[in-house]
Structure formats: C-alpha cells, structure tokens
C-alpha atoms as a PDB file:
ATOM      1  CA  MET A   1      48.210 157.567 116.146  1.00  0.00           C
ATOM      2  CA  ASN A   2      50.825 160.032 114.904  1.00  0.00           C
ATOM      3  CA  CYS A   3      49.785 163.478 113.796  1.00  0.00           C
ATOM      4  CA  ILE A   4      51.199 162.729 110.305  1.00  0.00           C
ATOM      5  CA  ASN A   5      50.913 159.124 109.139  1.00  0.00           C
ATOM      6  CA  ILE A   6      53.170 158.056 106.259  1.00  0.00           C
ATOM      7  CA  SER A   7      52.603 154.791 104.379  1.00  0.00           C
ATOM      8  CA  TRP A   8      52.744 153.178 100.958  1.00  0.00           C
ATOM      9  CA  ASP A   9      49.279 153.502  99.398  1.00  0.00           C
ATOM     10  CA  SER A  10      50.361 151.395  96.427  1.00  0.00           C
ATOM     11  CA  GLU A  11      53.623 150.291  94.834  1.00  0.00           C
ATOM     12  CA  ARG A  12      54.226 153.763  93.370  1.00  0.00           C
ATOM     13  CA  VAL A  13      52.273 156.054  95.706  1.00  0.00           C
ATOM     14  CA  ILE A  14      53.051 157.292  99.205  1.00  0.00           C
ATOM     15  CA  LEU A  15      50.182 158.538 101.370  1.00  0.00           C
ATOM     16  CA  ALA A  16      50.875 161.281 103.927  1.00  0.00           C
ATOM     17  CA  GLU A  17      47.806 161.733 106.131  1.00  0.00           C
ATOM     18  CA  PHE A  18      47.789 164.852 108.304  1.00  0.00           C
ATOM     19  CA  ALA A  19      45.387 163.351 110.842  1.00  0.00           C
ATOM     20  CA  SER A  20      45.637 165.699 113.835  1.00  0.00           C
ATOM     21  CA  ALA A  21      47.264 168.986 114.848  1.00  0.00           C
ATOM     22  CA  TRP A  22      50.894 169.100 113.690  1.00  0.00           C
ATOM     23  CA  THR A  23      53.882 171.426 113.873  1.00  0.00           C
ATOM     24  CA  TRP A  24      56.382 172.464 111.235  1.00  0.00           C
ATOM     25  CA  ASP A  25      58.924 170.175 112.934  1.00  0.00           C
ATOM     26  CA  ASP A  26      56.456 167.285 112.484  1.00  0.00           C
ATOM     27  CA  PHE A  27      56.089 168.338 108.850  1.00  0.00           C
ATOM     28  CA  HIS A  28      59.842 168.323 108.193  1.00  0.00           C
ATOM     29  CA  ASP A  29      60.216 164.937 109.910  1.00  0.00           C
ATOM     30  CA  ALA A  30      57.442 163.549 107.688  1.00  0.00           C
ATOM     31  CA  VAL A  31      58.992 165.069 104.564  1.00  0.00           C
ATOM     32  CA  GLN A  32      62.356 163.510 105.436  1.00  0.00           C
ATOM     33  CA  GLN A  33      60.670 160.114 105.821  1.00  0.00           C
ATOM     34  CA  ILE A  34      58.868 160.540 102.481  1.00  0.00           C
ATOM     35  CA  HIS A  35      62.063 161.601 100.713  1.00  0.00           C
ATOM     36  CA  THR A  36      63.915 158.587 102.126  1.00  0.00           C
ATOM     37  CA  MET A  37      61.159 156.255 100.904  1.00  0.00           C
ATOM     38  CA  ILE A  38      61.154 157.842  97.438  1.00  0.00           C
ATOM     39  CA  ALA A  39      64.944 157.815  97.125  1.00  0.00           C
ATOM     40  CA  ALA A  40      64.975 154.085  97.924  1.00  0.00           C
ATOM     41  CA  ALA A  41      62.380 153.319  95.231  1.00  0.00           C
ATOM     42  CA  PRO A  42      63.699 152.185  91.827  1.00  0.00           C
ATOM     43  CA  HIS A  43      60.958 154.139  90.029  1.00  0.00           C
ATOM     44  CA  GLN A  44      59.130 157.438  90.012  1.00  0.00           C
ATOM     45  CA  THR A  45      56.930 157.744  93.093  1.00  0.00           C
ATOM     46  CA  ASP A  46      53.840 159.939  93.497  1.00  0.00           C
ATOM     47  CA  ILE A  47      52.625 161.439  96.778  1.00  0.00           C
ATOM     48  CA  ILE A  48      49.106 161.911  98.121  1.00  0.00           C
ATOM     49  CA  ILE A  49      48.931 164.528 100.875  1.00  0.00           C
ATOM     50  CA  TRP A  50      45.675 164.299 102.814  1.00  0.00           C
ATOM     51  CA  HIS A  51      45.059 167.392 104.944  1.00  0.00           C
ATOM     52  CA  ARG A  52      42.408 166.759 107.576  1.00  0.00           C
ATOM     53  CA  VAL A  53      43.499 169.650 109.800  1.00  0.00           C
ATOM     54  CA  LEU A  54      44.685 173.229 109.362  1.00  0.00           C
ATOM     55  CA  PHE A  55      48.279 174.345 108.891  1.00  0.00           C
ATOM     56  CA  PRO A  56      50.142 175.427 112.025  1.00  0.00           C
ATOM     57  CA  SER A  57      51.011 179.085 112.520  1.00  0.00           C
ATOM     58  CA  GLY A  58      53.966 180.477 110.645  1.00  0.00           C
ATOM     59  CA  ASN A  59      54.822 181.151 107.021  1.00  0.00           C
ATOM     60  CA  PRO A  60      54.221 177.987 104.974  1.00  0.00           C
ATOM     61  CA  MET A  61      56.118 179.291 101.939  1.00  0.00           C
ATOM     62  CA  ALA A  62      59.583 178.847 103.440  1.00  0.00           C
ATOM     63  CA  HIS A  63      58.736 175.343 104.664  1.00  0.00           C
ATOM     64  CA  LEU A  64      57.210 174.242 101.369  1.00  0.00           C
ATOM     65  CA  ALA A  65      60.014 175.746  99.298  1.00  0.00           C
ATOM     66  CA  ARG A  66      62.595 173.857 101.376  1.00  0.00           C
ATOM     67  CA  THR A  67      60.618 170.678 100.777  1.00  0.00           C
ATOM     68  CA  LEU A  68      60.576 171.102  96.998  1.00  0.00           C
ATOM     69  CA  LYS A  69      64.219 172.075  96.833  1.00  0.00           C
ATOM     70  CA  ASN A  70      65.294 168.829  98.518  1.00  0.00           C
ATOM     71  CA  GLN A  71      63.075 166.361  96.623  1.00  0.00           C
ATOM     72  CA  PRO A  72      64.673 163.198  95.259  1.00  0.00           C
ATOM     73  CA  PRO A  73      64.848 163.237  91.441  1.00  0.00           C
ATOM     74  CA  ASN A  74      62.356 160.361  91.148  1.00  0.00           C
ATOM     75  CA  THR A  75      59.589 162.262  92.949  1.00  0.00           C
ATOM     76  CA  GLY A  76      56.452 162.124  90.819  1.00  0.00           C
ATOM     77  CA  ARG A  77      53.177 163.998  90.986  1.00  0.00           C
ATOM     78  CA  ILE A  78      51.752 165.399  94.200  1.00  0.00           C
ATOM     79  CA  VAL A  79      48.026 165.234  94.899  1.00  0.00           C
ATOM     80  CA  ILE A  80      46.684 167.291  97.788  1.00  0.00           C
ATOM     81  CA  ILE A  81      43.368 166.293  99.359  1.00  0.00           C
ATOM     82  CA  THR A  82      41.374 168.835 101.317  1.00  0.00           C
ATOM     83  CA  PRO A  83      37.977 168.115 102.876  1.00  0.00           C
ATOM     84  CA  PRO A  84      35.045 169.296 100.714  1.00  0.00           C
ATOM     85  CA  LEU A  85      33.679 171.378 103.603  1.00  0.00           C
ATOM     86  CA  SER A  86      36.995 173.151 104.095  1.00  0.00           C
ATOM     87  CA  ARG A  87      36.775 175.710 101.281  1.00  0.00           C
ATOM     88  CA  PRO A  88      39.153 178.266 102.893  1.00  0.00           C
ATOM     89  CA  LEU A  89      41.765 175.555 103.501  1.00  0.00           C
ATOM     90  CA  ASP A  90      41.400 174.268  99.933  1.00  0.00           C
ATOM     91  CA  GLU A  91      41.768 177.772  98.487  1.00  0.00           C
ATOM     92  CA  PHE A  92      44.764 178.468 100.716  1.00  0.00           C
ATOM     93  CA  ILE A  93      46.519 175.232  99.726  1.00  0.00           C
ATOM     94  CA  ARG A  94      45.843 175.862  96.025  1.00  0.00           C
ATOM     95  CA  SER A  95      47.254 179.386  96.343  1.00  0.00           C
ATOM     96  CA  VAL A  96      50.362 178.228  98.161  1.00  0.00           C
ATOM     97  CA  ALA A  97      50.884 175.369  95.677  1.00  0.00           C
ATOM     98  CA  GLY A  98      50.533 177.803  92.774  1.00  0.00           C
ATOM     99  CA  ILE A  99      53.078 180.187  94.248  1.00  0.00           C
ATOM    100  CA  VAL A 100      55.542 177.412  95.009  1.00  0.00           C
ATOM    101  CA  GLN A 101      55.166 176.003  91.491  1.00  0.00           C
ATOM    102  CA  HIS A 102      55.766 179.476  90.066  1.00  0.00           C
ATOM    103  CA  VAL A 103      58.970 179.798  92.108  1.00  0.00           C
ATOM    104  CA  TYR A 104      60.068 176.228  91.220  1.00  0.00           C
ATOM    105  CA  PRO A 105      58.580 175.652  87.730  1.00  0.00           C
ATOM    106  CA  THR A 106      60.663 172.555  87.021  1.00  0.00           C
ATOM    107  CA  LYS A 107      59.419 170.722  90.095  1.00  0.00           C
ATOM    108  CA  ASN A 108      56.478 168.369  90.283  1.00  0.00           C
ATOM    109  CA  ARG A 109      52.946 168.889  89.185  1.00  0.00           C
ATOM    110  CA  VAL A 110      50.602 169.580  92.102  1.00  0.00           C
ATOM    111  CA  ILE A 111      46.978 168.468  91.749  1.00  0.00           C
ATOM    112  CA  SER A 112      44.177 169.249  94.202  1.00  0.00           C
ATOM    113  CA  THR A 113      41.076 167.182  94.936  1.00  0.00           C
ATOM    114  CA  THR A 114      38.645 166.480  97.782  1.00  0.00           C
ATOM    115  CA  THR A 115      38.640 162.695  98.331  1.00  0.00           C
ATOM    116  CA  ILE A 116      41.125 159.845  98.551  1.00  0.00           C
ATOM    117  CA  GLU A 117      39.204 158.010  95.806  1.00  0.00           C
ATOM    118  CA  GLN A 118      39.570 160.991  93.465  1.00  0.00           C
ATOM    119  CA  ALA A 119      43.279 161.251  94.287  1.00  0.00           C
ATOM    120  CA  ARG A 120      43.863 157.611  93.448  1.00  0.00           C
ATOM    121  CA  ALA A 121      41.833 157.900  90.246  1.00  0.00           C
ATOM    122  CA  LEU A 122      43.766 161.011  89.171  1.00  0.00           C
ATOM    123  CA  LEU A 123      47.094 159.271  89.645  1.00  0.00           C
ATOM    124  CA  SER A 124      45.945 156.207  87.721  1.00  0.00           C
ATOM    125  CA  ASP A 125      44.528 158.331  84.869  1.00  0.00           C
ATOM    126  CA  ILE A 126      47.369 160.798  84.368  1.00  0.00           C
ATOM    127  CA  PRO A 127      50.593 159.409  82.914  1.00  0.00           C
ATOM    128  CA  HIS A 128      53.944 160.412  84.409  1.00  0.00           C
ATOM    129  CA  THR A 129      55.712 163.175  82.503  1.00  0.00           C
END
C-alpha cells in the first residue's frame, strides 16, 4: 500500500487517502497525479482528502499554497476528512485551510468533516458554484 492512495471515488470525485506516514515529496507527487486526473476530466471534479495520519514536519503553508496555485481550472470543491478522535489535527487542518483560502479567495471551497460517508453526502448535497 502506498502512503497516499489516489483513486476515483465516483465519476466526479477523486479520493486521496493519506493512509500512512508521508513526506512533502509524497504529497507533491500525489497532488501532481490528482491535477493530471482533473485536467483530463471533461467536467468539474471534486476532491476528498482523507487524513488518517499527521502532517510531516515543515511549514505546510508553502506546500498548500503551491498546490492551490497550480490547480486545473475545473477543480471543484475540496472536502477534508479528519478522524473524529483527532481534534488537534482537525483544528490544525481547518486553520491552515482558512488561511490558504484567505490568501487565495478565488480558489475552491474547502469543507471539513469526520467520515467518508459525510464527505460523500456533502458533495452530493452541495451544488457546484
């Protein structure tokens, strides 16, 4: 199993599962794969990011900003899943997402939840903007 597993969750949703310890190089490789998949899609594509493990050391802001800056134009909403028992991780991810969205206000809406079922339900309930 890879540390970050990328797959189509549905026709319009890519699932990125951070399953075991990963590095920022792993992250950028995964982002490149996701961007390639989205760019090849003839429609807007949403992303579910499922964090099961902590971030690696280093400043996440620079890495996340680079990711947003290089998104294909048909990138849709981004849902981030954090485990319900991982309150500090959830708060950290929400804070980072809020800062990144403030810096890049025209980029995609980031939504946070705690389960894959909730993520899928959110994406089916919220229309694309």
